């Protein structure tokens, strides 16, 4: 089992619109039979306006299959359109659950 975190540092004041995009994206994923991401925002830390979308998956292949399936949906493309305008930078963290 793996935990995959998509970490995005938003431009000042732009985290809320990105949260809304990820919440809508979660609805699309659920309709496709996929698990919704856990969406979190920071309350402290070195950078404000940070969003983390967290997924638990059986394998890395399962994560990338889920990603491909979600973004093949026309509605997903509409929801996530323009999200780069909200984000300064981002990264992905992948953890193997050990216990």
PDB file of N, CA and C in Angstrom:
ATOM      1  N   UNK A   1       0.850  -1.175   0.000  1.00  0.00           N
ATOM      2  CA  UNK A   1       0.000   0.000   0.000  1.00  0.00           C
ATOM      3  C   UNK A   1       0.892   1.233   0.000  1.00  0.00           C
ATOM      4  N   UNK A   2       0.464   2.250  -0.760  1.00  0.00           N
ATOM      5  CA  UNK A   2       1.215   3.486  -0.883  1.00  0.00           C
ATOM      6  C   UNK A   2       0.328   4.690  -0.569  1.00  0.00           C
ATOM      7  N   UNK A   3       0.963   5.741  -0.086  1.00  0.00           N
ATOM      8  CA  UNK A   3       0.322   7.039   0.063  1.00  0.00           C
ATOM      9  C   UNK A   3       1.021   7.978  -0.910  1.00  0.00           C
ATOM     10  N   UNK A   4       0.229   8.619  -1.761  1.00  0.00           N
ATOM     11  CA  UNK A   4       0.756   9.572  -2.735  1.00  0.00           C
ATOM     12  C   UNK A   4       0.185  10.935  -2.375  1.00  0.00           C
ATOM     13  N   UNK A   5       1.059  11.892  -2.230  1.00  0.00           N
ATOM     14  CA  UNK A   5       0.653  13.263  -1.903  1.00  0.00           C
ATOM     15  C   UNK A   5       1.059  14.196  -3.034  1.00  0.00           C
ATOM     16  N   UNK A   6       0.079  14.910  -3.548  1.00  0.00           N
ATOM     17  CA  UNK A   6       0.311  15.976  -4.516  1.00  0.00           C
ATOM     18  C   UNK A   6       0.323  17.263  -3.702  1.00  0.00           C
ATOM     19  N   UNK A   7       1.452  17.940  -3.619  1.00  0.00           N
ATOM     20  CA  UNK A   7       1.604  19.118  -2.774  1.00  0.00           C
ATOM     21  C   UNK A   7       1.761  20.330  -3.678  1.00  0.00           C
ATOM     22  N   UNK A   8       0.854  21.285  -3.520  1.00  0.00           N
ATOM     23  CA  UNK A   8       0.873  22.475  -4.355  1.00  0.00           C
ATOM     24  C   UNK A   8       0.905  23.725  -3.495  1.00  0.00           C
ATOM     25  N   UNK A   9       1.889  24.557  -3.770  1.00  0.00           N
ATOM     26  CA  UNK A   9       2.007  25.845  -3.101  1.00  0.00           C
ATOM     27  C   UNK A   9       1.355  26.877  -4.020  1.00  0.00           C
ATOM     28  N   UNK A  10       0.253  27.438  -3.545  1.00  0.00           N
ATOM     29  CA  UNK A  10      -0.541  28.347  -4.365  1.00  0.00           C
ATOM     30  C   UNK A  10      -0.012  29.781  -4.305  1.00  0.00           C
ATOM     31  N   UNK A  11      -0.425  30.541  -5.282  1.00  0.00           N
ATOM     32  CA  UNK A  11      -0.166  31.969  -5.257  1.00  0.00           C
ATOM     33  C   UNK A  11      -0.980  32.561  -4.107  1.00  0.00           C
ATOM     34  N   UNK A  12      -0.564  33.699  -3.557  1.00  0.00           N
ATOM     35  CA  UNK A  12      -1.280  34.282  -2.420  1.00  0.00           C
ATOM     36  C   UNK A  12      -2.779  34.418  -2.684  1.00  0.00           C
ATOM     37  N   UNK A  13      -3.544  33.889  -1.746  1.00  0.00           N
ATOM     38  CA  UNK A  13      -4.990  33.991  -1.808  1.00  0.00           C
ATOM     39  C   UNK A  13      -5.664  33.055  -2.793  1.00  0.00           C
ATOM     40  N   UNK A  14      -4.943  32.126  -3.412  1.00  0.00           N
ATOM     41  CA  UNK A  14      -5.508  31.266  -4.457  1.00  0.00           C
ATOM     42  C   UNK A  14      -5.756  29.830  -4.016  1.00  0.00           C
ATOM     43  N   UNK A  15      -5.559  29.531  -2.745  1.00  0.00           N
ATOM     44  CA  UNK A  15      -5.749  28.148  -2.313  1.00  0.00           C
ATOM     45  C   UNK A  15      -7.228  27.742  -2.356  1.00  0.00           C
ATOM     46  N   UNK A  16      -8.144  28.651  -2.006  1.00  0.00           N
ATOM     47  CA  UNK A  16      -9.571  28.291  -1.974  1.00  0.00           C
ATOM     48  C   UNK A  16     -10.081  27.866  -3.344  1.00  0.00           C
ATOM     49  N   UNK A  17      -9.781  28.601  -4.433  1.00  0.00           N
ATOM     50  CA  UNK A  17     -10.228  28.130  -5.748  1.00  0.00           C
ATOM     51  C   UNK A  17      -9.646  26.754  -6.111  1.00  0.00           C
ATOM     52  N   UNK A  18      -8.423  26.468  -5.675  1.00  0.00           N
ATOM     53  CA  UNK A  18      -7.836  25.160  -5.964  1.00  0.00           C
ATOM     54  C   UNK A  18      -8.510  24.074  -5.127  1.00  0.00           C
ATOM     55  N   UNK A  19      -8.835  24.374  -3.885  1.00  0.00           N
ATOM     56  CA  UNK A  19      -9.584  23.429  -3.048  1.00  0.00           C
ATOM     57  C   UNK A  19     -10.899  23.076  -3.730  1.00  0.00           C
ATOM     58  N   UNK A  20     -11.595  24.070  -4.235  1.00  0.00           N
ATOM     59  CA  UNK A  20     -12.873  23.832  -4.906  1.00  0.00           C
ATOM     60  C   UNK A  20     -12.702  22.950  -6.137  1.00  0.00           C
ATOM     61  N   UNK A  21     -11.615  23.159  -6.894  1.00  0.00           N
ATOM     62  CA  UNK A  21     -11.356  22.307  -8.053  1.00  0.00           C
ATOM     63  C   UNK A  21     -11.132  20.854  -7.618  1.00  0.00           C
ATOM     64  N   UNK A  22     -10.350  20.654  -6.560  1.00  0.00           N
ATOM     65  CA  UNK A  22     -10.085  19.290  -6.106  1.00  0.00           C
ATOM     66  C   UNK A  22     -11.326  18.636  -5.510  1.00  0.00           C
ATOM     67  N   UNK A  23     -12.182  19.411  -4.870  1.00  0.00           N
ATOM     68  CA  UNK A  23     -13.429  18.841  -4.347  1.00  0.00           C
ATOM     69  C   UNK A  23     -14.330  18.386  -5.492  1.00  0.00           C
ATOM     70  N   UNK A  24     -14.447  19.197  -6.537  1.00  0.00           N
ATOM     71  CA  UNK A  24     -15.234  18.815  -7.710  1.00  0.00           C
ATOM     72  C   UNK A  24     -14.600  17.623  -8.412  1.00  0.00           C
ATOM     73  N   UNK A  25     -13.284  17.614  -8.483  1.00  0.00           N
ATOM     74  CA  UNK A  25     -12.584  16.492  -9.100  1.00  0.00           C
ATOM     75  C   UNK A  25     -12.850  15.203  -8.322  1.00  0.00           C
ATOM     76  N   UNK A  26     -12.914  15.299  -6.996  1.00  0.00           N
ATOM     77  CA  UNK A  26     -13.237  14.141  -6.168  1.00  0.00           C
ATOM     78  C   UNK A  26     -14.599  13.572  -6.504  1.00  0.00           C
ATOM     79  N   UNK A  27     -15.555  14.442  -6.800  1.00  0.00           N
ATOM     80  CA  UNK A  27     -16.895  13.984  -7.196  1.00  0.00           C
ATOM     81  C   UNK A  27     -16.828  13.203  -8.504  1.00  0.00           C
ATOM     82  N   UNK A  28     -16.052  13.713  -9.470  1.00  0.00           N
ATOM     83  CA  UNK A  28     -15.881  13.020 -10.750  1.00  0.00           C
ATOM     84  C   UNK A  28     -15.234  11.660 -10.514  1.00  0.00           C
ATOM     85  N   UNK A  29     -14.206  11.631  -9.689  1.00  0.00           N
ATOM     86  CA  UNK A  29     -13.493  10.375  -9.432  1.00  0.00           C
ATOM     87  C   UNK A  29     -14.436   9.345  -8.795  1.00  0.00           C
ATOM     88  N   UNK A  30     -15.252   9.800  -7.874  1.00  0.00           N
ATOM     89  CA  UNK A  30     -16.200   8.892  -7.222  1.00  0.00           C
ATOM     90  C   UNK A  30     -17.193   8.316  -8.240  1.00  0.00           C
ATOM     91  N   UNK A  31     -17.683   9.150  -9.153  1.00  0.00           N
ATOM     92  CA  UNK A  31     -18.604   8.683 -10.198  1.00  0.00           C
ATOM     93  C   UNK A  31     -17.937   7.657 -11.112  1.00  0.00           C
ATOM     94  N   UNK A  32     -16.613   7.762 -11.260  1.00  0.00           N
ATOM     95  CA  UNK A  32     -15.868   6.819 -12.100  1.00  0.00           C
ATOM     96  C   UNK A  32     -15.479   5.554 -11.339  1.00  0.00           C
ATOM     97  N   UNK A  33     -15.888   5.464 -10.065  1.00  0.00           N
ATOM     98  CA  UNK A  33     -15.553   4.292  -9.258  1.00  0.00           C
ATOM     99  C   UNK A  33     -14.176   4.368  -8.623  1.00  0.00           C
ATOM    100  N   UNK A  34     -13.603   5.563  -8.572  1.00  0.00           N
ATOM    101  CA  UNK A  34     -12.280   5.761  -7.986  1.00  0.00           C
ATOM    102  C   UNK A  34     -12.431   6.375  -6.600  1.00  0.00           C
ATOM    103  N   UNK A  35     -11.404   6.252  -5.800  1.00  0.00           N
ATOM    104  CA  UNK A  35     -11.473   6.861  -4.472  1.00  0.00           C
ATOM    105  C   UNK A  35     -11.168   8.347  -4.558  1.00  0.00           C
ATOM    106  N   UNK A  36     -11.862   9.103  -3.727  1.00  0.00           N
ATOM    107  CA  UNK A  36     -11.654  10.553  -3.668  1.00  0.00           C
ATOM    108  C   UNK A  36     -10.354  10.852  -2.941  1.00  0.00           C
ATOM    109  N   UNK A  37      -9.676  11.904  -3.338  1.00  0.00           N
ATOM    110  CA  UNK A  37      -8.484  12.296  -2.578  1.00  0.00           C
ATOM    111  C   UNK A  37      -8.896  12.954  -1.261  1.00  0.00           C
ATOM    112  N   UNK A  38      -8.037  12.837  -0.289  1.00  0.00           N
ATOM    113  CA  UNK A  38      -8.171  13.618   0.940  1.00  0.00           C
ATOM    114  C   UNK A  38      -7.532  14.961   0.615  1.00  0.00           C
ATOM    115  N   UNK A  39      -8.283  16.050   0.790  1.00  0.00           N
ATOM    116  CA  UNK A  39      -7.793  17.385   0.453  1.00  0.00           C
ATOM    117  C   UNK A  39      -7.541  18.138   1.750  1.00  0.00           C
ATOM    118  N   UNK A  40      -6.304  18.618   1.897  1.00  0.00           N
ATOM    119  CA  UNK A  40      -5.899  19.301   3.122  1.00  0.00           C
ATOM    120  C   UNK A  40      -5.254  20.638   2.769  1.00  0.00           C
ATOM    121  N   UNK A  41      -5.387  21.604   3.685  1.00  0.00           N
ATOM    122  CA  UNK A  41      -4.678  22.868   3.546  1.00  0.00           C
ATOM    123  C   UNK A  41      -3.877  23.112   4.817  1.00  0.00           C
ATOM    124  N   UNK A  42      -2.824  23.900   4.684  1.00  0.00           N
ATOM    125  CA  UNK A  42      -1.939  24.140   5.813  1.00  0.00           C
ATOM    126  C   UNK A  42      -2.566  25.101   6.825  1.00  0.00           C
ATOM    127  N   UNK A  43      -2.172  24.940   8.063  1.00  0.00           N
ATOM    128  CA  UNK A  43      -2.530  25.916   9.109  1.00  0.00           C
ATOM    129  C   UNK A  43      -1.271  26.494   9.738  1.00  0.00           C
ATOM    130  N   UNK A  44      -0.126  25.954   9.342  1.00  0.00           N
ATOM    131  CA  UNK A  44       1.171  26.486   9.775  1.00  0.00           C
ATOM    132  C   UNK A  44       2.231  25.943   8.828  1.00  0.00           C
ATOM    133  N   UNK A  45       3.418  26.445   8.942  1.00  0.00           N
ATOM    134  CA  UNK A  45       4.496  25.925   8.120  1.00  0.00           C
ATOM    135  C   UNK A  45       5.268  27.029   7.441  1.00  0.00           C
ATOM    136  N   UNK A  46       6.293  26.638   6.690  1.00  0.00           N
ATOM    137  CA  UNK A  46       7.156  27.639   6.063  1.00  0.00           C
ATOM    138  C   UNK A  46       6.483  28.379   4.910  1.00  0.00           C
ATOM    139  N   UNK A  47       5.434  27.791   4.312  1.00  0.00           N
ATOM    140  CA  UNK A  47       4.728  28.447   3.203  1.00  0.00           C
ATOM    141  C   UNK A  47       3.233  28.415   3.482  1.00  0.00           C
ATOM    142  N   UNK A  48       2.593  29.553   3.368  1.00  0.00           N
ATOM    143  CA  UNK A  48       1.143  29.593   3.438  1.00  0.00           C
ATOM    144  C   UNK A  48       0.560  29.196   2.093  1.00  0.00           C
ATOM    145  N   UNK A  49      -0.748  29.023   2.052  1.00  0.00           N
ATOM    146  CA  UNK A  49      -1.487  28.736   0.830  1.00  0.00           C
ATOM    147  C   UNK A  49      -1.041  27.424   0.167  1.00  0.00           C
ATOM    148  N   UNK A  50      -0.895  26.392   1.005  1.00  0.00           N
ATOM    149  CA  UNK A  50      -0.493  25.077   0.499  1.00  0.00           C
ATOM    150  C   UNK A  50      -1.681  24.132   0.518  1.00  0.00           C
ATOM    151  N   UNK A  51      -1.852  23.405  -0.577  1.00  0.00           N
ATOM    152  CA  UNK A  51      -2.876  22.365  -0.676  1.00  0.00           C
ATOM    153  C   UNK A  51      -2.177  21.026  -0.852  1.00  0.00           C
ATOM    154  N   UNK A  52      -2.686  20.009  -0.148  1.00  0.00           N
ATOM    155  CA  UNK A  52      -2.193  18.648  -0.302  1.00  0.00           C
ATOM    156  C   UNK A  52      -3.376  17.765  -0.670  1.00  0.00           C
ATOM    157  N   UNK A  53      -3.259  17.053  -1.773  1.00  0.00           N
ATOM    158  CA  UNK A  53      -4.242  16.047  -2.167  1.00  0.00           C
ATOM    159  C   UNK A  53      -3.581  14.692  -1.936  1.00  0.00           C
ATOM    160  N   UNK A  54      -4.191  13.879  -1.083  1.00  0.00           N
ATOM    161  CA  UNK A  54      -3.568  12.619  -0.665  1.00  0.00           C
ATOM    162  C   UNK A  54      -4.416  11.434  -1.117  1.00  0.00           C
ATOM    163  N   UNK A  55      -3.733  10.444  -1.672  1.00  0.00           N
ATOM    164  CA  UNK A  55      -4.375   9.229  -2.170  1.00  0.00           C
ATOM    165  C   UNK A  55      -3.731   8.017  -1.506  1.00  0.00           C
ATOM    166  N   UNK A  56      -4.522   7.003  -1.191  1.00  0.00           N
ATOM    167  CA  UNK A  56      -3.992   5.702  -0.779  1.00  0.00           C
ATOM    168  C   UNK A  56      -4.289   4.724  -1.900  1.00  0.00           C
ATOM    169  N   UNK A  57      -3.247   4.019  -2.352  1.00  0.00           N
ATOM    170  CA  UNK A  57      -3.380   3.091  -3.475  1.00  0.00           C
ATOM    171  C   UNK A  57      -2.623   1.805  -3.168  1.00  0.00           C
ATOM    172  N   UNK A  58      -3.059   0.734  -3.803  1.00  0.00           N
ATOM    173  CA  UNK A  58      -2.417  -0.573  -3.603  1.00  0.00           C
ATOM    174  C   UNK A  58      -1.028  -0.625  -4.226  1.00  0.00           C
ATOM    175  N   UNK A  59      -0.861   0.076  -5.347  1.00  0.00           N
ATOM    176  CA  UNK A  59       0.425   0.040  -6.051  1.00  0.00           C
ATOM    177  C   UNK A  59       0.607   1.355  -6.808  1.00  0.00           C
ATOM    178  N   UNK A  60       1.829   1.605  -7.233  1.00  0.00           N
ATOM    179  CA  UNK A  60       2.075   2.805  -8.031  1.00  0.00           C
ATOM    180  C   UNK A  60       1.399   2.694  -9.392  1.00  0.00           C
ATOM    181  N   UNK A  61       1.346   1.470  -9.914  1.00  0.00           N
ATOM    182  CA  UNK A  61       0.634   1.264 -11.177  1.00  0.00           C
ATOM    183  C   UNK A  61      -0.840   1.635 -11.010  1.00  0.00           C
ATOM    184  N   UNK A  62      -1.427   1.275  -9.872  1.00  0.00           N
ATOM    185  CA  UNK A  62      -2.828   1.611  -9.608  1.00  0.00           C
ATOM    186  C   UNK A  62      -3.019   3.131  -9.540  1.00  0.00           C
ATOM    187  N   UNK A  63      -2.048   3.830  -8.967  1.00  0.00           N
ATOM    188  CA  UNK A  63      -2.144   5.295  -8.902  1.00  0.00           C
ATOM    189  C   UNK A  63      -2.166   5.891 -10.301  1.00  0.00           C
ATOM    190  N   UNK A  64      -1.243   5.459 -11.154  1.00  0.00           N
ATOM    191  CA  UNK A  64      -1.162   6.041 -12.486  1.00  0.00           C
ATOM    192  C   UNK A  64      -2.352   5.629 -13.351  1.00  0.00           C
ATOM    193  N   UNK A  65      -2.891   4.431 -13.142  1.00  0.00           N
ATOM    194  CA  UNK A  65      -4.117   4.026 -13.841  1.00  0.00           C
ATOM    195  C   UNK A  65      -5.284   4.910 -13.409  1.00  0.00           C
ATOM    196  N   UNK A  66      -5.380   5.179 -12.104  1.00  0.00           N
ATOM    197  CA  UNK A  66      -6.428   6.042 -11.567  1.00  0.00           C
ATOM    198  C   UNK A  66      -6.294   7.443 -12.171  1.00  0.00           C
ATOM    199  N   UNK A  67      -5.091   7.960 -12.198  1.00  0.00           N
ATOM    200  CA  UNK A  67      -4.827   9.290 -12.742  1.00  0.00           C
ATOM    201  C   UNK A  67      -5.238   9.354 -14.213  1.00  0.00           C
ATOM    202  N   UNK A  68      -4.842   8.350 -14.983  1.00  0.00           N
ATOM    203  CA  UNK A  68      -5.191   8.316 -16.404  1.00  0.00           C
ATOM    204  C   UNK A  68      -6.698   8.257 -16.601  1.00  0.00           C
ATOM    205  N   UNK A  69      -7.374   7.418 -15.820  1.00  0.00           N
ATOM    206  CA  UNK A  69      -8.828   7.259 -15.944  1.00  0.00           C
ATOM    207  C   UNK A  69      -9.541   8.556 -15.578  1.00  0.00           C
ATOM    208  N   UNK A  70      -9.113   9.190 -14.511  1.00  0.00           N
ATOM    209  CA  UNK A  70      -9.766  10.430 -14.077  1.00  0.00           C
ATOM    210  C   UNK A  70      -9.602  11.525 -15.119  1.00  0.00           C
ATOM    211  N   UNK A  71      -8.395  11.696 -15.643  1.00  0.00           N
ATOM    212  CA  UNK A  71      -8.164  12.796 -16.563  1.00  0.00           C
ATOM    213  C   UNK A  71      -8.600  12.493 -17.989  1.00  0.00           C
ATOM    214  N   UNK A  72      -9.012  11.254 -18.269  1.00  0.00           N
ATOM    215  CA  UNK A  72      -9.599  10.936 -19.563  1.00  0.00           C
ATOM    216  C   UNK A  72     -11.044  11.421 -19.624  1.00  0.00           C
ATOM    217  N   UNK A  73     -11.631  11.706 -18.455  1.00  0.00           N
ATOM    218  CA  UNK A  73     -13.002  12.177 -18.377  1.00  0.00           C
ATOM    219  C   UNK A  73     -13.064  13.644 -18.821  1.00  0.00           C
ATOM    220  N   UNK A  74     -13.990  13.963 -19.723  1.00  0.00           N
ATOM    221  CA  UNK A  74     -14.105  15.332 -20.241  1.00  0.00           C
ATOM    222  C   UNK A  74     -14.400  16.331 -19.129  1.00  0.00           C
ATOM    223  N   UNK A  75     -15.210  15.943 -18.168  1.00  0.00           N
ATOM    224  CA  UNK A  75     -15.541  16.839 -17.064  1.00  0.00           C
ATOM    225  C   UNK A  75     -14.328  17.191 -16.228  1.00  0.00           C
ATOM    226  N   UNK A  76     -13.418  16.249 -16.073  1.00  0.00           N
ATOM    227  CA  UNK A  76     -12.209  16.502 -15.289  1.00  0.00           C
ATOM    228  C   UNK A  76     -11.361  17.584 -15.928  1.00  0.00           C
ATOM    229  N   UNK A  77     -11.245  17.538 -17.229  1.00  0.00           N
ATOM    230  CA  UNK A  77     -10.472  18.556 -17.934  1.00  0.00           C
ATOM    231  C   UNK A  77     -11.059  19.946 -17.745  1.00  0.00           C
ATOM    232  N   UNK A  78     -12.377  20.022 -17.771  1.00  0.00           N
ATOM    233  CA  UNK A  78     -13.038  21.316 -17.554  1.00  0.00           C
ATOM    234  C   UNK A  78     -12.811  21.814 -16.130  1.00  0.00           C
ATOM    235  N   UNK A  79     -12.913  20.914 -15.166  1.00  0.00           N
ATOM    236  CA  UNK A  79     -12.744  21.293 -13.760  1.00  0.00           C
ATOM    237  C   UNK A  79     -11.341  21.811 -13.500  1.00  0.00           C
ATOM    238  N   UNK A  80     -10.341  21.112 -14.014  1.00  0.00           N
ATOM    239  CA  UNK A  80      -8.956  21.454 -13.699  1.00  0.00           C
ATOM    240  C   UNK A  80      -8.358  22.492 -14.648  1.00  0.00           C
ATOM    241  N   UNK A  81      -9.116  22.922 -15.635  1.00  0.00           N
ATOM    242  CA  UNK A  81      -8.615  23.948 -16.561  1.00  0.00           C
ATOM    243  C   UNK A  81      -8.182  25.184 -15.776  1.00  0.00           C
ATOM    244  N   UNK A  82      -7.014  25.680 -16.085  1.00  0.00           N
ATOM    245  CA  UNK A  82      -6.521  26.898 -15.473  1.00  0.00           C
ATOM    246  C   UNK A  82      -5.912  26.742 -14.096  1.00  0.00           C
ATOM    247  N   UNK A  83      -5.786  25.499 -13.614  1.00  0.00           N
ATOM    248  CA  UNK A  83      -5.257  25.359 -12.256  1.00  0.00           C
ATOM    249  C   UNK A  83      -3.805  25.814 -12.149  1.00  0.00           C
ATOM    250  N   UNK A  84      -3.059  25.773 -13.234  1.00  0.00           N
ATOM    251  CA  UNK A  84      -1.676  26.261 -13.202  1.00  0.00           C
ATOM    252  C   UNK A  84      -1.609  27.745 -12.859  1.00  0.00           C
ATOM    253  N   UNK A  85      -2.666  28.472 -13.166  1.00  0.00           N
ATOM    254  CA  UNK A  85      -2.700  29.900 -12.841  1.00  0.00           C
ATOM    255  C   UNK A  85      -2.821  30.145 -11.339  1.00  0.00           C
ATOM    256  N   UNK A  86      -3.184  29.119 -10.580  1.00  0.00           N
ATOM    257  CA  UNK A  86      -3.363  29.244  -9.134  1.00  0.00           C
ATOM    258  C   UNK A  86      -2.123  28.824  -8.348  1.00  0.00           C
ATOM    259  N   UNK A  87      -1.196  28.128  -9.005  1.00  0.00           N
ATOM    260  CA  UNK A  87      -0.096  27.449  -8.316  1.00  0.00           C
ATOM    261  C   UNK A  87       1.250  28.075  -8.675  1.00  0.00           C
ATOM    262  N   UNK A  88       2.084  28.278  -7.640  1.00  0.00           N
ATOM    263  CA  UNK A  88       3.468  28.710  -7.851  1.00  0.00           C
ATOM    264  C   UNK A  88       4.361  27.525  -8.178  1.00  0.00           C
ATOM    265  N   UNK A  89       4.284  26.491  -7.355  1.00  0.00           N
ATOM    266  CA  UNK A  89       5.080  25.288  -7.574  1.00  0.00           C
ATOM    267  C   UNK A  89       4.455  24.121  -6.825  1.00  0.00           C
ATOM    268  N   UNK A  90       4.897  22.935  -7.191  1.00  0.00           N
ATOM    269  CA  UNK A  90       4.354  21.745  -6.549  1.00  0.00           C
ATOM    270  C   UNK A  90       5.315  20.583  -6.656  1.00  0.00           C
ATOM    271  N   UNK A  91       4.943  19.523  -5.957  1.00  0.00           N
ATOM    272  CA  UNK A  91       5.749  18.308  -5.996  1.00  0.00           C
ATOM    273  C   UNK A  91       4.868  17.129  -5.618  1.00  0.00           C
ATOM    274  N   UNK A  92       5.380  15.947  -5.855  1.00  0.00           N
ATOM    275  CA  UNK A  92       4.686  14.717  -5.488  1.00  0.00           C
ATOM    276  C   UNK A  92       5.563  13.965  -4.497  1.00  0.00           C
ATOM    277  N   UNK A  93       4.943  13.475  -3.436  1.00  0.00           N
ATOM    278  CA  UNK A  93       5.621  12.610  -2.470  1.00  0.00           C
ATOM    279  C   UNK A  93       4.942  11.251  -2.512  1.00  0.00           C
ATOM    280  N   UNK A  94       5.743  10.189  -2.477  1.00  0.00           N
ATOM    281  CA  UNK A  94       5.215   8.828  -2.497  1.00  0.00           C
ATOM    282  C   UNK A  94       5.820   8.075  -1.332  1.00  0.00           C
ATOM    283  N   UNK A  95       4.940   7.495  -0.514  1.00  0.00           N
ATOM    284  CA  UNK A  95       5.368   6.757   0.669  1.00  0.00           C
ATOM    285  C   UNK A  95       4.835   5.331   0.618  1.00  0.00           C
ATOM    286  N   UNK A  96       5.646   4.388   0.995  1.00  0.00           N
ATOM    287  CA  UNK A  96       5.199   3.009   1.153  1.00  0.00           C
ATOM    288  C   UNK A  96       4.777   2.825   2.613  1.00  0.00           C
ATOM    289  N   UNK A  97       3.538   2.374   2.811  1.00  0.00           N
ATOM    290  CA  UNK A  97       3.060   2.146   4.172  1.00  0.00           C
ATOM    291  C   UNK A  97       3.713   0.886   4.727  1.00  0.00           C
ATOM    292  N   UNK A  98       4.331   1.010   5.863  1.00  0.00           N
ATOM    293  CA  UNK A  98       5.051  -0.095   6.478  1.00  0.00           C
ATOM    294  C   UNK A  98       4.351  -0.663   7.703  1.00  0.00           C
ATOM    295  N   UNK A  99       3.352  -0.011   8.174  1.00  0.00           N
ATOM    296  CA  UNK A  99       2.669  -0.534   9.368  1.00  0.00           C
ATOM    297  C   UNK A  99       1.584   0.364   9.838  1.00  0.00           C
TER     298      UNK A  99
END
